[in-house]
Amino acid sequence: MDMRRLVGQNVKRIRIERGLTQEQLAAASGFTQQYLSGLESGRRNPTVVTVYEIATALSVTYLELLKPVPDA
């Protein structure tokens, strides 16, 4: 399992569920839109602190960003 890809997919899914753009999440989290774009595409390797900060900005627990998404 590629954790970079998993975290990125979860960030994107939850961001879209919340009706947020990358720019809005960037403003809420303190990360740049470019960083979030790289994260969502699995090109960034987030630290534990990054996962926590983004989860906080999305109003979810950090564990939500680490959970495998069940097949729909």
N, C-alpha and C. Protein backbone atom coordinates (compact mmCIF):
# COMPACT_ATOMS: atom_id res chain seq x y z
N MET A 1 0.85 -1.18 0.00
CA MET A 1 0.00 0.00 0.00
C MET A 1 0.89 1.24 0.00
N ASP A 2 0.62 2.14 -0.91
CA ASP A 2 1.36 3.40 -1.01
C ASP A 2 0.66 4.43 -0.12
N MET A 3 1.27 4.73 1.01
CA MET A 3 0.65 5.65 1.97
C MET A 3 0.52 7.06 1.42
N ARG A 4 1.45 7.49 0.58
CA ARG A 4 1.33 8.83 -0.01
C ARG A 4 0.06 8.91 -0.84
N ARG A 5 -0.17 7.90 -1.64
CA ARG A 5 -1.37 7.88 -2.48
C ARG A 5 -2.64 7.78 -1.63
N LEU A 6 -2.61 6.94 -0.61
CA LEU A 6 -3.77 6.76 0.26
C LEU A 6 -4.15 8.08 0.95
N VAL A 7 -3.17 8.74 1.55
CA VAL A 7 -3.44 10.02 2.22
C VAL A 7 -3.97 11.03 1.22
N GLY A 8 -3.34 11.10 0.06
CA GLY A 8 -3.78 12.05 -0.96
C GLY A 8 -5.20 11.81 -1.41
N GLN A 9 -5.56 10.54 -1.64
CA GLN A 9 -6.93 10.21 -2.05
C GLN A 9 -7.93 10.59 -0.97
N ASN A 10 -7.57 10.32 0.28
CA ASN A 10 -8.48 10.65 1.38
C ASN A 10 -8.64 12.16 1.54
N VAL A 11 -7.54 12.90 1.42
CA VAL A 11 -7.64 14.37 1.51
C VAL A 11 -8.56 14.88 0.42
N LYS A 12 -8.36 14.44 -0.80
CA LYS A 12 -9.17 14.91 -1.92
C LYS A 12 -10.64 14.53 -1.73
N ARG A 13 -10.90 13.29 -1.35
CA ARG A 13 -12.28 12.83 -1.16
C ARG A 13 -12.99 13.65 -0.10
N ILE A 14 -12.34 13.83 1.05
CA ILE A 14 -12.98 14.57 2.15
C ILE A 14 -13.12 16.05 1.79
N ARG A 15 -12.12 16.61 1.14
CA ARG A 15 -12.20 18.01 0.72
C ARG A 15 -13.41 18.22 -0.19
N ILE A 16 -13.59 17.34 -1.15
CA ILE A 16 -14.72 17.45 -2.08
C ILE A 16 -16.04 17.23 -1.35
N GLU A 17 -16.09 16.25 -0.44
CA GLU A 17 -17.31 16.02 0.35
C GLU A 17 -17.69 17.26 1.15
N ARG A 18 -16.70 18.02 1.59
CA ARG A 18 -16.94 19.23 2.37
C ARG A 18 -17.24 20.44 1.48
N GLY A 19 -17.13 20.24 0.17
CA GLY A 19 -17.41 21.33 -0.77
C GLY A 19 -16.32 22.39 -0.81
N LEU A 20 -15.08 21.98 -0.51
CA LEU A 20 -13.96 22.92 -0.47
C LEU A 20 -13.11 22.82 -1.73
N THR A 21 -12.58 23.95 -2.16
CA THR A 21 -11.58 23.95 -3.21
C THR A 21 -10.21 23.76 -2.57
N GLN A 22 -9.22 23.47 -3.38
CA GLN A 22 -7.86 23.38 -2.84
C GLN A 22 -7.45 24.72 -2.24
N GLU A 23 -7.86 25.81 -2.86
CA GLU A 23 -7.52 27.14 -2.35
C GLU A 23 -8.13 27.38 -0.97
N GLN A 24 -9.37 26.95 -0.79
CA GLN A 24 -10.02 27.12 0.51
C GLN A 24 -9.34 26.26 1.57
N LEU A 25 -8.99 25.03 1.21
CA LEU A 25 -8.28 24.18 2.16
C LEU A 25 -6.91 24.75 2.47
N ALA A 26 -6.26 25.32 1.47
CA ALA A 26 -4.96 25.94 1.70
C ALA A 26 -5.07 27.06 2.72
N ALA A 27 -6.08 27.89 2.57
CA ALA A 27 -6.29 29.00 3.52
C ALA A 27 -6.56 28.49 4.92
N ALA A 28 -7.33 27.41 5.03
CA ALA A 28 -7.69 26.86 6.34
C ALA A 28 -6.54 26.11 7.00
N SER A 29 -5.68 25.51 6.19
CA SER A 29 -4.63 24.64 6.74
C SER A 29 -3.28 25.30 6.87
N GLY A 30 -3.06 26.36 6.09
CA GLY A 30 -1.75 27.01 6.11
C GLY A 30 -0.77 26.44 5.10
N PHE A 31 -1.18 25.44 4.33
CA PHE A 31 -0.35 24.87 3.28
C PHE A 31 -0.71 25.55 1.96
N THR A 32 0.19 25.55 1.01
CA THR A 32 -0.11 26.17 -0.27
C THR A 32 -0.99 25.26 -1.12
N GLN A 33 -1.66 25.87 -2.07
CA GLN A 33 -2.48 25.10 -3.00
C GLN A 33 -1.60 24.14 -3.79
N GLN A 34 -0.40 24.57 -4.13
CA GLN A 34 0.52 23.72 -4.87
C GLN A 34 0.92 22.50 -4.05
N TYR A 35 1.15 22.68 -2.75
CA TYR A 35 1.49 21.55 -1.88
C TYR A 35 0.32 20.58 -1.82
N LEU A 36 -0.89 21.12 -1.64
CA LEU A 36 -2.06 20.25 -1.55
C LEU A 36 -2.30 19.51 -2.85
N SER A 37 -2.07 20.15 -3.98
CA SER A 37 -2.21 19.48 -5.27
C SER A 37 -1.24 18.30 -5.36
N GLY A 38 0.00 18.52 -4.96
CA GLY A 38 0.99 17.44 -4.96
C GLY A 38 0.63 16.33 -3.99
N LEU A 39 0.08 16.70 -2.86
CA LEU A 39 -0.33 15.72 -1.86
C LEU A 39 -1.47 14.86 -2.40
N GLU A 40 -2.49 15.52 -2.96
CA GLU A 40 -3.64 14.79 -3.48
C GLU A 40 -3.28 13.86 -4.64
N SER A 41 -2.24 14.20 -5.37
CA SER A 41 -1.84 13.35 -6.49
C SER A 41 -0.83 12.27 -6.07
N GLY A 42 -0.48 12.24 -4.78
CA GLY A 42 0.42 11.21 -4.28
C GLY A 42 1.89 11.49 -4.51
N ARG A 43 2.23 12.73 -4.90
CA ARG A 43 3.63 13.08 -5.14
C ARG A 43 4.33 13.61 -3.90
N ARG A 44 3.59 13.95 -2.88
CA ARG A 44 4.17 14.48 -1.63
C ARG A 44 4.16 13.41 -0.56
N ASN A 45 5.14 13.48 0.31
CA ASN A 45 5.25 12.54 1.42
C ASN A 45 4.99 13.31 2.71
N PRO A 46 3.74 13.35 3.18
CA PRO A 46 3.41 14.20 4.33
C PRO A 46 3.98 13.65 5.64
N THR A 47 4.36 14.57 6.50
CA THR A 47 4.80 14.19 7.84
C THR A 47 3.57 13.94 8.71
N VAL A 48 3.80 13.41 9.87
CA VAL A 48 2.71 13.18 10.83
C VAL A 48 2.06 14.51 11.19
N VAL A 49 2.87 15.55 11.36
CA VAL A 49 2.34 16.87 11.70
C VAL A 49 1.48 17.40 10.55
N THR A 50 1.91 17.20 9.32
CA THR A 50 1.14 17.65 8.17
C THR A 50 -0.21 16.94 8.12
N VAL A 51 -0.22 15.65 8.31
CA VAL A 51 -1.47 14.89 8.31
C VAL A 51 -2.40 15.43 9.39
N TYR A 52 -1.86 15.69 10.57
CA TYR A 52 -2.67 16.22 11.67
C TYR A 52 -3.24 17.60 11.33
N GLU A 53 -2.41 18.48 10.79
CA GLU A 53 -2.87 19.84 10.46
C GLU A 53 -3.94 19.83 9.38
N ILE A 54 -3.77 19.01 8.37
CA ILE A 54 -4.77 18.94 7.30
C ILE A 54 -6.06 18.32 7.82
N ALA A 55 -5.94 17.29 8.64
CA ALA A 55 -7.14 16.68 9.23
C ALA A 55 -7.90 17.70 10.07
N THR A 56 -7.18 18.49 10.83
CA THR A 56 -7.82 19.52 11.65
C THR A 56 -8.55 20.52 10.76
N ALA A 57 -7.91 20.94 9.67
CA ALA A 57 -8.54 21.89 8.75
C ALA A 57 -9.78 21.30 8.09
N LEU A 58 -9.80 19.98 7.91
CA LEU A 58 -10.96 19.30 7.31
C LEU A 58 -11.99 18.87 8.35
N SER A 59 -11.71 19.12 9.62
CA SER A 59 -12.61 18.74 10.72
C SER A 59 -12.83 17.24 10.80
N VAL A 60 -11.75 16.48 10.62
CA VAL A 60 -11.78 15.03 10.79
C VAL A 60 -10.59 14.65 11.67
N THR A 61 -10.58 13.41 12.14
CA THR A 61 -9.42 12.94 12.89
C THR A 61 -8.32 12.58 11.89
N TYR A 62 -7.11 12.60 12.35
CA TYR A 62 -5.99 12.22 11.47
C TYR A 62 -6.15 10.79 10.97
N LEU A 63 -6.81 9.94 11.75
CA LEU A 63 -7.02 8.55 11.34
C LEU A 63 -7.86 8.45 10.07
N GLU A 64 -8.76 9.41 9.85
CA GLU A 64 -9.59 9.40 8.64
C GLU A 64 -8.73 9.54 7.38
N LEU A 65 -7.60 10.19 7.51
CA LEU A 65 -6.71 10.37 6.35
C LEU A 65 -5.82 9.15 6.12
N LEU A 66 -5.77 8.24 7.09
CA LEU A 66 -4.91 7.07 6.99
C LEU A 66 -5.69 5.79 6.70
N LYS A 67 -7.01 5.87 6.73
CA LYS A 67 -7.86 4.68 6.54
C LYS A 67 -7.97 4.30 5.07
N PRO A 68 -7.82 3.03 4.77
CA PRO A 68 -8.11 2.59 3.41
C PRO A 68 -9.59 2.81 3.11
N VAL A 69 -9.88 3.25 1.91
CA VAL A 69 -11.26 3.50 1.50
C VAL A 69 -11.84 2.20 0.97
N PRO A 70 -12.97 1.77 1.51
CA PRO A 70 -13.57 0.53 1.00
C PRO A 70 -14.01 0.73 -0.44
N ASP A 71 -13.93 -0.33 -1.21
CA ASP A 71 -14.38 -0.27 -2.61
C ASP A 71 -15.88 0.01 -2.65
N ALA A 72 -16.24 0.91 -3.52
CA ALA A 72 -17.67 1.27 -3.65
C ALA A 72 -18.39 0.31 -4.55
